Amino acid sequence: MQTESPDRILRLKTVLDRTGLSRSSMYRKMGQGTFPRNIKISERSAGWRESAVEDWMRNPMFYSVDDK
């Protein structure tokens, strides 16, 4: 029995709707390391891990990307 659901990949529109950020603000924050980085889904598309976006939403002021 699986107790934990798999991490979903969210597309840009969904991330913007959930966070309330504008596209330019989100990409600026990504560049500063204060918003989760996107992941490449295919050659021409990208998305964000739902768990990473949720982590950011819990505490956006103190979020930082872990470079591991």
PDB file of N, CA and C in Angstrom:
ATOM      1  N   MET A   1       0.833  -1.180   0.000  1.00  0.00           N
ATOM      2  CA  MET A   1       0.000   0.000   0.000  1.00  0.00           C
ATOM      3  C   MET A   1       0.881   1.249   0.000  1.00  0.00           C
ATOM      4  N   GLN A   2       0.613   2.133  -0.921  1.00  0.00           N
ATOM      5  CA  GLN A   2       1.404   3.355  -1.033  1.00  0.00           C
ATOM      6  C   GLN A   2       0.756   4.445  -0.184  1.00  0.00           C
ATOM      7  N   THR A   3       1.513   5.025   0.737  1.00  0.00           N
ATOM      8  CA  THR A   3       0.954   6.027   1.644  1.00  0.00           C
ATOM      9  C   THR A   3       1.220   7.448   1.178  1.00  0.00           C
ATOM     10  N   GLU A   4       2.238   7.624   0.375  1.00  0.00           N
ATOM     11  CA  GLU A   4       2.614   8.957  -0.073  1.00  0.00           C
ATOM     12  C   GLU A   4       2.353   9.082  -1.573  1.00  0.00           C
ATOM     13  N   SER A   5       1.665  10.167  -1.975  1.00  0.00           N
ATOM     14  CA  SER A   5       1.386  10.336  -3.397  1.00  0.00           C
ATOM     15  C   SER A   5       2.641  10.830  -4.112  1.00  0.00           C
ATOM     16  N   PRO A   6       2.793  10.484  -5.379  1.00  0.00           N
ATOM     17  CA  PRO A   6       3.980  10.934  -6.117  1.00  0.00           C
ATOM     18  C   PRO A   6       3.959  12.446  -6.324  1.00  0.00           C
ATOM     19  N   ASP A   7       5.129  13.013  -6.450  1.00  0.00           N
ATOM     20  CA  ASP A   7       5.276  14.451  -6.657  1.00  0.00           C
ATOM     21  C   ASP A   7       4.819  14.794  -8.072  1.00  0.00           C
ATOM     22  N   ARG A   8       3.883  15.705  -8.198  1.00  0.00           N
ATOM     23  CA  ARG A   8       3.380  16.112  -9.509  1.00  0.00           C
ATOM     24  C   ARG A   8       4.267  17.210 -10.083  1.00  0.00           C
ATOM     25  N   ILE A   9       4.231  17.329 -11.407  1.00  0.00           N
ATOM     26  CA  ILE A   9       4.932  18.399 -12.103  1.00  0.00           C
ATOM     27  C   ILE A   9       3.889  19.439 -12.504  1.00  0.00           C
ATOM     28  N   LEU A  10       4.106  20.676 -12.089  1.00  0.00           N
ATOM     29  CA  LEU A  10       3.180  21.758 -12.398  1.00  0.00           C
ATOM     30  C   LEU A  10       3.715  22.581 -13.552  1.00  0.00           C
ATOM     31  N   ARG A  11       2.838  22.991 -14.433  1.00  0.00           N
ATOM     32  CA  ARG A  11       3.216  23.840 -15.556  1.00  0.00           C
ATOM     33  C   ARG A  11       3.150  25.307 -15.125  1.00  0.00           C
ATOM     34  N   LEU A  12       3.699  26.181 -15.960  1.00  0.00           N
ATOM     35  CA  LEU A  12       3.847  27.600 -15.637  1.00  0.00           C
ATOM     36  C   LEU A  12       2.546  28.251 -15.183  1.00  0.00           C
ATOM     37  N   LYS A  13       1.470  28.101 -15.929  1.00  0.00           N
ATOM     38  CA  LYS A  13       0.208  28.766 -15.594  1.00  0.00           C
ATOM     39  C   LYS A  13      -0.285  28.356 -14.211  1.00  0.00           C
ATOM     40  N   THR A  14      -0.172  27.078 -13.896  1.00  0.00           N
ATOM     41  CA  THR A  14      -0.602  26.582 -12.591  1.00  0.00           C
ATOM     42  C   THR A  14       0.246  27.174 -11.474  1.00  0.00           C
ATOM     43  N   VAL A  15       1.559  27.230 -11.682  1.00  0.00           N
ATOM     44  CA  VAL A  15       2.460  27.809 -10.670  1.00  0.00           C
ATOM     45  C   VAL A  15       2.124  29.280 -10.447  1.00  0.00           C
ATOM     46  N   LEU A  16       1.915  30.027 -11.511  1.00  0.00           N
ATOM     47  CA  LEU A  16       1.576  31.440 -11.383  1.00  0.00           C
ATOM     48  C   LEU A  16       0.237  31.623 -10.674  1.00  0.00           C
ATOM     49  N   ASP A  17      -0.753  30.788 -11.001  1.00  0.00           N
ATOM     50  CA  ASP A  17      -2.061  30.868 -10.334  1.00  0.00           C
ATOM     51  C   ASP A  17      -1.946  30.567  -8.852  1.00  0.00           C
ATOM     52  N   ARG A  18      -1.175  29.552  -8.496  1.00  0.00           N
ATOM     53  CA  ARG A  18      -1.052  29.163  -7.083  1.00  0.00           C
ATOM     54  C   ARG A  18      -0.274  30.178  -6.258  1.00  0.00           C
ATOM     55  N   THR A  19       0.767  30.750  -6.844  1.00  0.00           N
ATOM     56  CA  THR A  19       1.639  31.636  -6.073  1.00  0.00           C
ATOM     57  C   THR A  19       1.192  33.091  -6.100  1.00  0.00           C
ATOM     58  N   GLY A  20       0.485  33.492  -7.157  1.00  0.00           N
ATOM     59  CA  GLY A  20       0.088  34.890  -7.295  1.00  0.00           C
ATOM     60  C   GLY A  20       1.201  35.763  -7.839  1.00  0.00           C
ATOM     61  N   LEU A  21       2.307  35.151  -8.226  1.00  0.00           N
ATOM     62  CA  LEU A  21       3.429  35.911  -8.776  1.00  0.00           C
ATOM     63  C   LEU A  21       3.203  36.185 -10.255  1.00  0.00           C
ATOM     64  N   SER A  22       3.820  37.247 -10.752  1.00  0.00           N
ATOM     65  CA  SER A  22       3.855  37.454 -12.196  1.00  0.00           C
ATOM     66  C   SER A  22       4.980  36.585 -12.754  1.00  0.00           C
ATOM     67  N   ARG A  23       4.937  36.372 -14.047  1.00  0.00           N
ATOM     68  CA  ARG A  23       5.963  35.558 -14.695  1.00  0.00           C
ATOM     69  C   ARG A  23       7.355  36.157 -14.484  1.00  0.00           C
ATOM     70  N   SER A  24       7.475  37.474 -14.671  1.00  0.00           N
ATOM     71  CA  SER A  24       8.790  38.109 -14.530  1.00  0.00           C
ATOM     72  C   SER A  24       9.286  38.052 -13.085  1.00  0.00           C
ATOM     73  N   SER A  25       8.388  38.222 -12.120  1.00  0.00           N
ATOM     74  CA  SER A  25       8.800  38.140 -10.708  1.00  0.00           C
ATOM     75  C   SER A  25       9.275  36.730 -10.362  1.00  0.00           C
ATOM     76  N   MET A  26       8.561  35.737 -10.868  1.00  0.00           N
ATOM     77  CA  MET A  26       8.941  34.363 -10.583  1.00  0.00           C
ATOM     78  C   MET A  26      10.313  34.043 -11.155  1.00  0.00           C
ATOM     79  N   TYR A  27      10.561  34.422 -12.406  1.00  0.00           N
ATOM     80  CA  TYR A  27      11.869  34.137 -13.013  1.00  0.00           C
ATOM     81  C   TYR A  27      12.988  34.951 -12.352  1.00  0.00           C
ATOM     82  N   ARG A  28      12.688  36.149 -11.901  1.00  0.00           N
ATOM     83  CA  ARG A  28      13.688  36.941 -11.176  1.00  0.00           C
ATOM     84  C   ARG A  28      14.048  36.240  -9.862  1.00  0.00           C
ATOM     85  N   LYS A  29      13.032  35.763  -9.153  1.00  0.00           N
ATOM     86  CA  LYS A  29      13.278  35.041  -7.906  1.00  0.00           C
ATOM     87  C   LYS A  29      14.057  33.747  -8.159  1.00  0.00           C
ATOM     88  N   MET A  30      13.765  33.052  -9.259  1.00  0.00           N
ATOM     89  CA  MET A  30      14.534  31.854  -9.601  1.00  0.00           C
ATOM     90  C   MET A  30      16.006  32.211  -9.782  1.00  0.00           C
ATOM     91  N   GLY A  31      16.265  33.312 -10.469  1.00  0.00           N
ATOM     92  CA  GLY A  31      17.638  33.753 -10.689  1.00  0.00           C
ATOM     93  C   GLY A  31      18.355  34.118  -9.398  1.00  0.00           C
ATOM     94  N   GLN A  32      17.595  34.616  -8.426  1.00  0.00           N
ATOM     95  CA  GLN A  32      18.173  34.987  -7.128  1.00  0.00           C
ATOM     96  C   GLN A  32      18.284  33.791  -6.184  1.00  0.00           C
ATOM     97  N   GLY A  33      17.695  32.675  -6.576  1.00  0.00           N
ATOM     98  CA  GLY A  33      17.730  31.485  -5.726  1.00  0.00           C
ATOM     99  C   GLY A  33      16.681  31.496  -4.635  1.00  0.00           C
ATOM    100  N   THR A  34      15.637  32.339  -4.782  1.00  0.00           N
ATOM    101  CA  THR A  34      14.595  32.421  -3.765  1.00  0.00           C
ATOM    102  C   THR A  34      13.271  31.852  -4.243  1.00  0.00           C
ATOM    103  N   PHE A  35      13.303  31.067  -5.305  1.00  0.00           N
ATOM    104  CA  PHE A  35      12.128  30.354  -5.801  1.00  0.00           C
ATOM    105  C   PHE A  35      12.637  29.050  -6.419  1.00  0.00           C
ATOM    106  N   PRO A  36      11.856  27.972  -6.314  1.00  0.00           N
ATOM    107  CA  PRO A  36      12.320  26.690  -6.854  1.00  0.00           C
ATOM    108  C   PRO A  36      12.654  26.772  -8.344  1.00  0.00           C
ATOM    109  N   ARG A  37      13.686  26.065  -8.732  1.00  0.00           N
ATOM    110  CA  ARG A  37      14.068  26.007 -10.145  1.00  0.00           C
ATOM    111  C   ARG A  37      13.123  25.078 -10.893  1.00  0.00           C
ATOM    112  N   ASN A  38      12.951  25.380 -12.161  1.00  0.00           N
ATOM    113  CA  ASN A  38      12.134  24.491 -12.983  1.00  0.00           C
ATOM    114  C   ASN A  38      12.971  23.294 -13.426  1.00  0.00           C
ATOM    115  N   ILE A  39      12.273  22.260 -13.843  1.00  0.00           N
ATOM    116  CA  ILE A  39      12.939  21.069 -14.354  1.00  0.00           C
ATOM    117  C   ILE A  39      12.485  20.856 -15.788  1.00  0.00           C
ATOM    118  N   LYS A  40      13.366  20.360 -16.589  1.00  0.00           N
ATOM    119  CA  LYS A  40      13.074  20.132 -18.003  1.00  0.00           C
ATOM    120  C   LYS A  40      12.248  18.855 -18.135  1.00  0.00           C
ATOM    121  N   ILE A  41      11.083  18.988 -18.789  1.00  0.00           N
ATOM    122  CA  ILE A  41      10.202  17.848 -19.001  1.00  0.00           C
ATOM    123  C   ILE A  41      10.497  17.213 -20.350  1.00  0.00           C
ATOM    124  N   SER A  42      10.685  18.044 -21.343  1.00  0.00           N
ATOM    125  CA  SER A  42      11.037  17.589 -22.681  1.00  0.00           C
ATOM    126  C   SER A  42      11.885  18.683 -23.318  1.00  0.00           C
ATOM    127  N   GLU A  43      12.155  18.546 -24.587  1.00  0.00           N
ATOM    128  CA  GLU A  43      13.033  19.502 -25.250  1.00  0.00           C
ATOM    129  C   GLU A  43      12.506  20.943 -25.175  1.00  0.00           C
ATOM    130  N   ARG A  44      11.185  21.109 -25.246  1.00  0.00           N
ATOM    131  CA  ARG A  44      10.618  22.456 -25.289  1.00  0.00           C
ATOM    132  C   ARG A  44       9.663  22.766 -24.149  1.00  0.00           C
ATOM    133  N   SER A  45       9.697  22.010 -23.075  1.00  0.00           N
ATOM    134  CA  SER A  45       8.793  22.297 -21.962  1.00  0.00           C
ATOM    135  C   SER A  45       9.478  22.053 -20.621  1.00  0.00           C
ATOM    136  N   ALA A  46       9.000  22.784 -19.644  1.00  0.00           N
ATOM    137  CA  ALA A  46       9.542  22.679 -18.294  1.00  0.00           C
ATOM    138  C   ALA A  46       8.394  22.765 -17.296  1.00  0.00           C
ATOM    139  N   GLY A  47       8.672  22.362 -16.082  1.00  0.00           N
ATOM    140  CA  GLY A  47       7.673  22.426 -15.029  1.00  0.00           C
ATOM    141  C   GLY A  47       8.357  22.531 -13.680  1.00  0.00           C
ATOM    142  N   TRP A  48       7.565  22.602 -12.641  1.00  0.00           N
ATOM    143  CA  TRP A  48       8.069  22.730 -11.281  1.00  0.00           C
ATOM    144  C   TRP A  48       7.505  21.602 -10.448  1.00  0.00           C
ATOM    145  N   ARG A  49       8.313  21.076  -9.543  1.00  0.00           N
ATOM    146  CA  ARG A  49       7.826  20.041  -8.631  1.00  0.00           C
ATOM    147  C   ARG A  49       6.817  20.680  -7.678  1.00  0.00           C
ATOM    148  N   GLU A  50       5.679  20.040  -7.547  1.00  0.00           N
ATOM    149  CA  GLU A  50       4.619  20.561  -6.686  1.00  0.00           C
ATOM    150  C   GLU A  50       5.114  20.713  -5.247  1.00  0.00           C
ATOM    151  N   SER A  51       5.889  19.758  -4.766  1.00  0.00           N
ATOM    152  CA  SER A  51       6.387  19.825  -3.383  1.00  0.00           C
ATOM    153  C   SER A  51       7.287  21.041  -3.177  1.00  0.00           C
ATOM    154  N   ALA A  52       8.100  21.388  -4.177  1.00  0.00           N
ATOM    155  CA  ALA A  52       8.981  22.554  -4.056  1.00  0.00           C
ATOM    156  C   ALA A  52       8.173  23.848  -4.024  1.00  0.00           C
ATOM    157  N   VAL A  53       7.141  23.923  -4.859  1.00  0.00           N
ATOM    158  CA  VAL A  53       6.281  25.121  -4.869  1.00  0.00           C
ATOM    159  C   VAL A  53       5.549  25.238  -3.542  1.00  0.00           C
ATOM    160  N   GLU A  54       5.069  24.121  -3.006  1.00  0.00           N
ATOM    161  CA  GLU A  54       4.392  24.139  -1.707  1.00  0.00           C
ATOM    162  C   GLU A  54       5.335  24.566  -0.594  1.00  0.00           C
ATOM    163  N   ASP A  55       6.587  24.098  -0.623  1.00  0.00           N
ATOM    164  CA  ASP A  55       7.587  24.532   0.367  1.00  0.00           C
ATOM    165  C   ASP A  55       7.771  26.041   0.304  1.00  0.00           C
ATOM    166  N   TRP A  56       7.874  26.583  -0.907  1.00  0.00           N
ATOM    167  CA  TRP A  56       8.029  28.029  -1.072  1.00  0.00           C
ATOM    168  C   TRP A  56       6.808  28.757  -0.514  1.00  0.00           C
ATOM    169  N   MET A  57       5.619  28.249  -0.782  1.00  0.00           N
ATOM    170  CA  MET A  57       4.397  28.912  -0.336  1.00  0.00           C
ATOM    171  C   MET A  57       4.262  28.920   1.180  1.00  0.00           C
ATOM    172  N   ARG A  58       4.818  27.920   1.851  1.00  0.00           N
ATOM    173  CA  ARG A  58       4.763  27.885   3.314  1.00  0.00           C
ATOM    174  C   ARG A  58       5.586  29.002   3.949  1.00  0.00           C
ATOM    175  N   ASN A  59       6.696  29.384   3.300  1.00  0.00           N
ATOM    176  CA  ASN A  59       7.556  30.412   3.886  1.00  0.00           C
ATOM    177  C   ASN A  59       8.351  31.124   2.793  1.00  0.00           C
ATOM    178  N   PRO A  60       7.693  31.951   1.983  1.00  0.00           N
ATOM    179  CA  PRO A  60       8.377  32.560   0.831  1.00  0.00           C
ATOM    180  C   PRO A  60       9.512  33.512   1.201  1.00  0.00           C
ATOM    181  N   MET A  61       9.441  34.166   2.337  1.00  0.00           N
ATOM    182  CA  MET A  61      10.480  35.134   2.707  1.00  0.00           C
ATOM    183  C   MET A  61      11.814  34.469   3.017  1.00  0.00           C
ATOM    184  N   PHE A  62      11.799  33.250   3.519  1.00  0.00           N
ATOM    185  CA  PHE A  62      13.026  32.599   3.945  1.00  0.00           C
ATOM    186  C   PHE A  62      13.393  31.404   3.098  1.00  0.00           C
ATOM    187  N   TYR A  63      12.735  31.248   1.944  1.00  0.00           N
ATOM    188  CA  TYR A  63      13.029  30.117   1.067  1.00  0.00           C
ATOM    189  C   TYR A  63      14.344  30.370   0.322  1.00  0.00           C
ATOM    190  N   SER A  64      15.141  29.328   0.221  1.00  0.00           N
ATOM    191  CA  SER A  64      16.337  29.403  -0.628  1.00  0.00           C
ATOM    192  C   SER A  64      16.554  28.039  -1.267  1.00  0.00           C
ATOM    193  N   VAL A  65      17.078  28.061  -2.466  1.00  0.00           N
ATOM    194  CA  VAL A  65      17.336  26.835  -3.212  1.00  0.00           C
ATOM    195  C   VAL A  65      18.569  26.168  -2.648  1.00  0.00           C
ATOM    196  N   ASP A  66      18.453  24.879  -2.355  1.00  0.00           N
ATOM    197  CA  ASP A  66      19.615  24.113  -1.886  1.00  0.00           C
ATOM    198  C   ASP A  66      20.392  23.639  -3.099  1.00  0.00           C
ATOM    199  N   ASP A  67      21.629  24.039  -3.221  1.00  0.00           N
ATOM    200  CA  ASP A  67      22.489  23.575  -4.320  1.00  0.00           C
ATOM    201  C   ASP A  67      23.225  22.321  -3.881  1.00  0.00           C
ATOM    202  N   LYS A  68      22.658  21.172  -4.242  1.00  0.00           N
ATOM    203  CA  LYS A  68      23.267  19.891  -3.851  1.00  0.00           C
ATOM    204  C   LYS A  68      23.717  19.165  -5.066  1.00  0.00           C
TER     205      LYS A  68
END
